[in-house]
């Protein structure tokens, strides 16, 4: 039986393939990605991950399924103690200070991506918001698993790749996929279509994130 997530994954595949072969990813694996570009990516991702974690809690607030609530609460806490902590290690290696973090404006694509996810929840449903969260989990895991065989000659980039190929991360991805399938079972066909749209739009923003990082996108460049 084809699951809901199998179906939406297939629909988003063209975007995901473009992301996996994006110049940002190719340069990261070859070691040619400028450190200034990786710094820019990390600064923007810090904002994104902070809001991503908050969304886990906000979605959980609107659910009654105890298993789903616990997973999302754990995910919010894990982002604080796990992935964001890894980013802090990167910041130390790249001499990114608290002052630089505070003074770095949020890029348009990062801002719009986060607002898209909030809209999925507050103008939509918690099920729609869950679907909007899924690409960040799943796409990074697929990229990590694909890149781990190739690796990167730059230690910092290799560490980034390994983050998304770990057993713990893969387990979280699988649980998020299961949560999305359960959410799809709770709604009608019309809402499942909205979930599909949210998933595909998040996938498009994931692709846009790489381009944003290469361009060092800012509001003046729009």
C-alpha atoms as a PDB file:
ATOM      1  CA  UNK A   1       0.000   0.000   0.000  1.00  0.00           C
ATOM      2  CA  UNK A   2       1.320   3.426  -0.960  1.00  0.00           C
ATOM      3  CA  UNK A   3       1.423   5.763   2.023  1.00  0.00           C
ATOM      4  CA  UNK A   4       0.608   9.456   1.980  1.00  0.00           C
ATOM      5  CA  UNK A   5       4.267  10.335   2.484  1.00  0.00           C
ATOM      6  CA  UNK A   6       5.302   8.079  -0.416  1.00  0.00           C
ATOM      7  CA  UNK A   7       2.898  10.003  -2.615  1.00  0.00           C
ATOM      8  CA  UNK A   8       4.045  13.483  -1.612  1.00  0.00           C
ATOM      9  CA  UNK A   9       7.694  12.437  -1.759  1.00  0.00           C
ATOM     10  CA  UNK A  10       7.192  11.393  -5.366  1.00  0.00           C
ATOM     11  CA  UNK A  11       5.484  14.690  -6.196  1.00  0.00           C
ATOM     12  CA  UNK A  12       8.342  16.692  -4.674  1.00  0.00           C
ATOM     13  CA  UNK A  13      11.098  14.550  -6.211  1.00  0.00           C
ATOM     14  CA  UNK A  14      12.033  17.036  -8.995  1.00  0.00           C
ATOM     15  CA  UNK A  15      12.687  19.722  -6.368  1.00  0.00           C
ATOM     16  CA  UNK A  16      14.636  17.323  -4.160  1.00  0.00           C
ATOM     17  CA  UNK A  17      16.825  16.164  -7.052  1.00  0.00           C
ATOM     18  CA  UNK A  18      17.637  19.754  -7.931  1.00  0.00           C
ATOM     19  CA  UNK A  19      18.535  20.355  -4.294  1.00  0.00           C
ATOM     20  CA  UNK A  20      20.806  17.313  -4.096  1.00  0.00           C
ATOM     21  CA  UNK A  21      22.690  18.517  -7.194  1.00  0.00           C
ATOM     22  CA  UNK A  22      22.698  22.204  -6.289  1.00  0.00           C
ATOM     23  CA  UNK A  23      26.032  24.072  -6.640  1.00  0.00           C
ATOM     24  CA  UNK A  24      26.007  24.736  -2.866  1.00  0.00           C
ATOM     25  CA  UNK A  25      25.981  20.988  -2.142  1.00  0.00           C
ATOM     26  CA  UNK A  26      28.479  20.193  -4.905  1.00  0.00           C
ATOM     27  CA  UNK A  27      30.902  22.840  -3.632  1.00  0.00           C
ATOM     28  CA  UNK A  28      30.457  21.632  -0.062  1.00  0.00           C
ATOM     29  CA  UNK A  29      31.442  18.080  -1.008  1.00  0.00           C
ATOM     30  CA  UNK A  30      34.324  19.159  -3.252  1.00  0.00           C
ATOM     31  CA  UNK A  31      35.622  21.505  -0.571  1.00  0.00           C
ATOM     32  CA  UNK A  32      35.307  24.534  -2.857  1.00  0.00           C
ATOM     33  CA  UNK A  33      32.492  26.198  -0.909  1.00  0.00           C
ATOM     34  CA  UNK A  34      33.851  29.488   0.494  1.00  0.00           C
ATOM     35  CA  UNK A  35      33.879  29.566   4.278  1.00  0.00           C
ATOM     36  CA  UNK A  36      32.167  32.961   4.061  1.00  0.00           C
ATOM     37  CA  UNK A  37      29.226  31.255   2.330  1.00  0.00           C
ATOM     38  CA  UNK A  38      29.073  28.499   4.945  1.00  0.00           C
ATOM     39  CA  UNK A  39      29.155  31.166   7.667  1.00  0.00           C
ATOM     40  CA  UNK A  40      26.257  32.946   5.981  1.00  0.00           C
ATOM     41  CA  UNK A  41      24.306  29.672   5.746  1.00  0.00           C
ATOM     42  CA  UNK A  42      24.879  28.924   9.442  1.00  0.00           C
ATOM     43  CA  UNK A  43      23.781  32.378  10.555  1.00  0.00           C
ATOM     44  CA  UNK A  44      20.553  32.104   8.587  1.00  0.00           C
ATOM     45  CA  UNK A  45      20.015  28.508   9.691  1.00  0.00           C
ATOM     46  CA  UNK A  46      20.298  29.517  13.326  1.00  0.00           C
ATOM     47  CA  UNK A  47      17.228  31.713  12.910  1.00  0.00           C
ATOM     48  CA  UNK A  48      15.410  29.023  10.951  1.00  0.00           C
ATOM     49  CA  UNK A  49      16.116  26.251  13.477  1.00  0.00           C
ATOM     50  CA  UNK A  50      15.069  28.422  16.400  1.00  0.00           C
ATOM     51  CA  UNK A  51      11.667  29.046  14.798  1.00  0.00           C
ATOM     52  CA  UNK A  52      11.474  25.427  13.603  1.00  0.00           C
ATOM     53  CA  UNK A  53      11.816  24.275  17.208  1.00  0.00           C
ATOM     54  CA  UNK A  54       9.162  26.725  18.418  1.00  0.00           C
ATOM     55  CA  UNK A  55       6.782  25.415  15.768  1.00  0.00           C
ATOM     56  CA  UNK A  56       7.087  21.902  17.184  1.00  0.00           C
ATOM     57  CA  UNK A  57       5.743  23.147  20.507  1.00  0.00           C
ATOM     58  CA  UNK A  58       3.052  25.312  18.916  1.00  0.00           C
ATOM     59  CA  UNK A  59       1.769  22.399  16.818  1.00  0.00           C
ATOM     60  CA  UNK A  60       1.781  20.143  19.881  1.00  0.00           C
ATOM     61  CA  UNK A  61      -0.378  22.703  21.687  1.00  0.00           C
ATOM     62  CA  UNK A  62      -3.150  22.057  19.140  1.00  0.00           C
ATOM     63  CA  UNK A  63      -3.051  18.239  19.215  1.00  0.00           C
ATOM     64  CA  UNK A  64      -4.685  15.637  21.452  1.00  0.00           C
ATOM     65  CA  UNK A  65      -2.689  12.578  20.322  1.00  0.00           C
ATOM     66  CA  UNK A  66      -0.317  11.945  23.238  1.00  0.00           C
ATOM     67  CA  UNK A  67       2.254  10.130  21.093  1.00  0.00           C
ATOM     68  CA  UNK A  68       2.374  12.968  18.571  1.00  0.00           C
ATOM     69  CA  UNK A  69       2.555  15.572  21.311  1.00  0.00           C
ATOM     70  CA  UNK A  70       5.458  13.806  23.005  1.00  0.00           C
ATOM     71  CA  UNK A  71       7.364  13.437  19.744  1.00  0.00           C
ATOM     72  CA  UNK A  72       6.966  17.134  18.935  1.00  0.00           C
ATOM     73  CA  UNK A  73       7.886  18.225  22.472  1.00  0.00           C
ATOM     74  CA  UNK A  74      10.959  15.983  22.323  1.00  0.00           C
ATOM     75  CA  UNK A  75      11.777  17.402  18.894  1.00  0.00           C
ATOM     76  CA  UNK A  76      11.642  20.959  20.195  1.00  0.00           C
ATOM     77  CA  UNK A  77      13.910  20.038  23.092  1.00  0.00           C
ATOM     78  CA  UNK A  78      16.224  18.061  20.818  1.00  0.00           C
ATOM     79  CA  UNK A  79      16.678  21.047  18.552  1.00  0.00           C
ATOM     80  CA  UNK A  80      17.734  23.125  21.547  1.00  0.00           C
ATOM     81  CA  UNK A  81      20.123  20.546  22.944  1.00  0.00           C
ATOM     82  CA  UNK A  82      21.233  18.739  19.801  1.00  0.00           C
ATOM     83  CA  UNK A  83      21.266  20.348  16.389  1.00  0.00           C
ATOM     84  CA  UNK A  84      21.486  23.927  17.603  1.00  0.00           C
ATOM     85  CA  UNK A  85      24.298  22.843  19.936  1.00  0.00           C
ATOM     86  CA  UNK A  86      26.151  21.423  16.928  1.00  0.00           C
ATOM     87  CA  UNK A  87      25.717  24.780  15.207  1.00  0.00           C
ATOM     88  CA  UNK A  88      27.249  26.487  18.243  1.00  0.00           C
ATOM     89  CA  UNK A  89      30.303  24.276  17.763  1.00  0.00           C
ATOM     90  CA  UNK A  90      30.499  25.445  14.174  1.00  0.00           C
ATOM     91  CA  UNK A  91      30.148  29.051  15.311  1.00  0.00           C
ATOM     92  CA  UNK A  92      33.101  28.623  17.662  1.00  0.00           C
ATOM     93  CA  UNK A  93      35.285  27.195  14.897  1.00  0.00           C
ATOM     94  CA  UNK A  94      34.327  30.051  12.559  1.00  0.00           C
ATOM     95  CA  UNK A  95      34.611  32.792  15.208  1.00  0.00           C
ATOM     96  CA  UNK A  96      30.954  33.768  14.871  1.00  0.00           C
ATOM     97  CA  UNK A  97      30.194  35.968  17.869  1.00  0.00           C
ATOM     98  CA  UNK A  98      26.929  36.705  19.657  1.00  0.00           C
ATOM     99  CA  UNK A  99      27.231  40.258  18.374  1.00  0.00           C
ATOM    100  CA  UNK A 100      27.464  39.064  14.763  1.00  0.00           C
ATOM    101  CA  UNK A 101      24.455  36.815  15.280  1.00  0.00           C
ATOM    102  CA  UNK A 102      22.439  39.708  16.710  1.00  0.00           C
ATOM    103  CA  UNK A 103      23.424  42.077  13.901  1.00  0.00           C
ATOM    104  CA  UNK A 104      22.804  39.678  11.001  1.00  0.00           C
ATOM    105  CA  UNK A 105      19.479  40.450   9.274  1.00  0.00           C
ATOM    106  CA  UNK A 106      17.170  37.574   8.410  1.00  0.00           C
ATOM    107  CA  UNK A 107      17.368  36.868   4.679  1.00  0.00           C
ATOM    108  CA  UNK A 108      14.175  37.056   2.614  1.00  0.00           C
ATOM    109  CA  UNK A 109      14.057  33.345   1.749  1.00  0.00           C
ATOM    110  CA  UNK A 110      14.618  32.255   5.371  1.00  0.00           C
ATOM    111  CA  UNK A 111      11.987  34.739   6.539  1.00  0.00           C
ATOM    112  CA  UNK A 112       9.456  33.577   3.961  1.00  0.00           C
ATOM    113  CA  UNK A 113      10.084  29.881   4.647  1.00  0.00           C
ATOM    114  CA  UNK A 114       9.436  30.324   8.357  1.00  0.00           C
ATOM    115  CA  UNK A 115       6.335  32.415   7.702  1.00  0.00           C
ATOM    116  CA  UNK A 116       5.059  29.717   5.339  1.00  0.00           C
ATOM    117  CA  UNK A 117       5.227  27.156   8.163  1.00  0.00           C
ATOM    118  CA  UNK A 118       3.513  29.471  10.636  1.00  0.00           C
ATOM    119  CA  UNK A 119       0.788  30.142   8.068  1.00  0.00           C
ATOM    120  CA  UNK A 120       0.308  26.388   7.600  1.00  0.00           C
ATOM    121  CA  UNK A 121      -0.512  26.203  11.313  1.00  0.00           C
ATOM    122  CA  UNK A 122      -2.357  29.439  12.073  1.00  0.00           C
ATOM    123  CA  UNK A 123      -4.175  29.841   8.759  1.00  0.00           C
ATOM    124  CA  UNK A 124      -4.527  26.106   8.291  1.00  0.00           C
ATOM    125  CA  UNK A 125      -4.377  23.082  10.588  1.00  0.00           C
ATOM    126  CA  UNK A 126      -1.823  21.297  12.777  1.00  0.00           C
ATOM    127  CA  UNK A 127      -1.856  18.453  10.235  1.00  0.00           C
ATOM    128  CA  UNK A 128      -0.917  20.892   7.488  1.00  0.00           C
ATOM    129  CA  UNK A 129       1.851  22.322   9.648  1.00  0.00           C
ATOM    130  CA  UNK A 130       3.246  18.847  10.306  1.00  0.00           C
ATOM    131  CA  UNK A 131       3.474  18.292   6.543  1.00  0.00           C
ATOM    132  CA  UNK A 132       5.246  21.642   6.206  1.00  0.00           C
ATOM    133  CA  UNK A 133       7.888  20.562   8.749  1.00  0.00           C
ATOM    134  CA  UNK A 134       8.629  17.211   7.119  1.00  0.00           C
ATOM    135  CA  UNK A 135      10.901  18.237   4.202  1.00  0.00           C
ATOM    136  CA  UNK A 136      13.484  19.745   6.543  1.00  0.00           C
ATOM    137  CA  UNK A 137      13.770  16.414   8.361  1.00  0.00           C
ATOM    138  CA  UNK A 138      13.578  14.108   5.385  1.00  0.00           C
ATOM    139  CA  UNK A 139      15.515  16.015   2.713  1.00  0.00           C
ATOM    140  CA  UNK A 140      18.531  16.618   4.957  1.00  0.00           C
ATOM    141  CA  UNK A 141      18.582  12.924   5.851  1.00  0.00           C
ATOM    142  CA  UNK A 142      18.522  11.916   2.186  1.00  0.00           C
ATOM    143  CA  UNK A 143      21.298  14.366   1.367  1.00  0.00           C
ATOM    144  CA  UNK A 144      23.367  13.197   4.337  1.00  0.00           C
ATOM    145  CA  UNK A 145      23.005   9.558   3.332  1.00  0.00           C
ATOM    146  CA  UNK A 146      23.946  10.367  -0.273  1.00  0.00           C
ATOM    147  CA  UNK A 147      26.934  12.541   0.619  1.00  0.00           C
ATOM    148  CA  UNK A 148      28.425  10.367   3.354  1.00  0.00           C
ATOM    149  CA  UNK A 149      29.861   8.029   0.698  1.00  0.00           C
ATOM    150  CA  UNK A 150      31.617  10.940  -0.989  1.00  0.00           C
ATOM    151  CA  UNK A 151      32.422  13.062   2.018  1.00  0.00           C
ATOM    152  CA  UNK A 152      34.249  16.384   1.936  1.00  0.00           C
ATOM    153  CA  UNK A 153      37.953  17.205   2.270  1.00  0.00           C
ATOM    154  CA  UNK A 154      37.044  20.096   4.572  1.00  0.00           C
ATOM    155  CA  UNK A 155      36.625  18.861   8.135  1.00  0.00           C
ATOM    156  CA  UNK A 156      33.898  21.346   8.982  1.00  0.00           C
ATOM    157  CA  UNK A 157      31.835  20.325   5.963  1.00  0.00           C
ATOM    158  CA  UNK A 158      32.389  16.640   6.697  1.00  0.00           C
ATOM    159  CA  UNK A 159      31.060  17.201  10.222  1.00  0.00           C
ATOM    160  CA  UNK A 160      27.960  18.858   8.758  1.00  0.00           C
ATOM    161  CA  UNK A 161      27.372  15.886   6.430  1.00  0.00           C
ATOM    162  CA  UNK A 162      27.747  13.376   9.267  1.00  0.00           C
ATOM    163  CA  UNK A 163      25.126  15.209  11.349  1.00  0.00           C
ATOM    164  CA  UNK A 164      22.413  14.140   8.912  1.00  0.00           C
ATOM    165  CA  UNK A 165      23.502  10.538   8.448  1.00  0.00           C
ATOM    166  CA  UNK A 166      23.528   9.564  12.130  1.00  0.00           C
ATOM    167  CA  UNK A 167      21.317   6.744  13.426  1.00  0.00           C
ATOM    168  CA  UNK A 168      19.662   9.112  15.881  1.00  0.00           C
ATOM    169  CA  UNK A 169      18.770  11.616  13.198  1.00  0.00           C
ATOM    170  CA  UNK A 170      17.483   8.911  10.845  1.00  0.00           C
ATOM    171  CA  UNK A 171      15.290   7.555  13.642  1.00  0.00           C
ATOM    172  CA  UNK A 172      13.774  11.022  14.163  1.00  0.00           C
ATOM    173  CA  UNK A 173      13.103  11.303  10.436  1.00  0.00           C
ATOM    174  CA  UNK A 174      11.306   7.954  10.375  1.00  0.00           C
ATOM    175  CA  UNK A 175       9.155   8.983  13.339  1.00  0.00           C
ATOM    176  CA  UNK A 176       8.304  12.277  11.634  1.00  0.00           C
ATOM    177  CA  UNK A 177       7.261  10.375   8.503  1.00  0.00           C
ATOM    178  CA  UNK A 178       5.020   8.135  10.623  1.00  0.00           C
ATOM    179  CA  UNK A 179       3.541  11.187  12.353  1.00  0.00           C
ATOM    180  CA  UNK A 180       2.740  12.770   8.989  1.00  0.00           C
ATOM    181  CA  UNK A 181       1.012   9.609   7.783  1.00  0.00           C
ATOM    182  CA  UNK A 182      -1.084   9.486  10.965  1.00  0.00           C
ATOM    183  CA  UNK A 183      -1.968  13.144  10.516  1.00  0.00           C
ATOM    184  CA  UNK A 184      -3.114  12.466   6.946  1.00  0.00           C
ATOM    185  CA  UNK A 185      -5.416   9.714   8.210  1.00  0.00           C
ATOM    186  CA  UNK A 186      -7.170  12.206  10.509  1.00  0.00           C
ATOM    187  CA  UNK A 187      -8.345  14.583   7.776  1.00  0.00           C
ATOM    188  CA  UNK A 188     -10.436  14.532   4.626  1.00  0.00           C
ATOM    189  CA  UNK A 189      -9.241  14.547   1.017  1.00  0.00           C
ATOM    190  CA  UNK A 190      -9.390  18.333   0.761  1.00  0.00           C
ATOM    191  CA  UNK A 191      -7.133  18.782   3.766  1.00  0.00           C
ATOM    192  CA  UNK A 192      -4.758  16.075   2.537  1.00  0.00           C
ATOM    193  CA  UNK A 193      -4.397  18.159  -0.632  1.00  0.00           C
ATOM    194  CA  UNK A 194      -3.550  21.163   1.527  1.00  0.00           C
ATOM    195  CA  UNK A 195      -0.974  19.042   3.363  1.00  0.00           C
ATOM    196  CA  UNK A 196       0.504  18.071   0.006  1.00  0.00           C
ATOM    197  CA  UNK A 197       0.732  21.708  -1.032  1.00  0.00           C
ATOM    198  CA  UNK A 198       2.424  22.635   2.263  1.00  0.00           C
ATOM    199  CA  UNK A 199       4.948  19.822   1.813  1.00  0.00           C
ATOM    200  CA  UNK A 200       5.807  20.815  -1.756  1.00  0.00           C
ATOM    201  CA  UNK A 201       6.126  24.482  -0.869  1.00  0.00           C
ATOM    202  CA  UNK A 202       8.501  23.621   1.970  1.00  0.00           C
ATOM    203  CA  UNK A 203      10.475  21.505  -0.488  1.00  0.00           C
ATOM    204  CA  UNK A 204      10.707  24.496  -2.826  1.00  0.00           C
ATOM    205  CA  UNK A 205      11.932  26.669   0.044  1.00  0.00           C
ATOM    206  CA  UNK A 206      14.574  24.056   0.884  1.00  0.00           C
ATOM    207  CA  UNK A 207      15.857  24.344  -2.679  1.00  0.00           C
ATOM    208  CA  UNK A 208      15.694  28.114  -2.433  1.00  0.00           C
ATOM    209  CA  UNK A 209      17.743  28.010   0.772  1.00  0.00           C
ATOM    210  CA  UNK A 210      20.827  26.759  -1.086  1.00  0.00           C
ATOM    211  CA  UNK A 211      20.544  29.529  -3.659  1.00  0.00           C
ATOM    212  CA  UNK A 212      19.956  32.088  -0.918  1.00  0.00           C
ATOM    213  CA  UNK A 213      23.175  30.964   0.754  1.00  0.00           C
ATOM    214  CA  UNK A 214      25.284  31.093  -2.405  1.00  0.00           C
ATOM    215  CA  UNK A 215      24.012  34.580  -3.221  1.00  0.00           C
ATOM    216  CA  UNK A 216      24.363  35.835   0.373  1.00  0.00           C
ATOM    217  CA  UNK A 217      20.842  37.065  -0.218  1.00  0.00           C
ATOM    218  CA  UNK A 218      19.741  40.298   1.419  1.00  0.00           C
ATOM    219  CA  UNK A 219      16.769  42.617   1.186  1.00  0.00           C
ATOM    220  CA  UNK A 220      18.626  45.108  -1.013  1.00  0.00           C
ATOM    221  CA  UNK A 221      19.298  42.434  -3.625  1.00  0.00           C
ATOM    222  CA  UNK A 222      15.614  41.718  -4.298  1.00  0.00           C
END
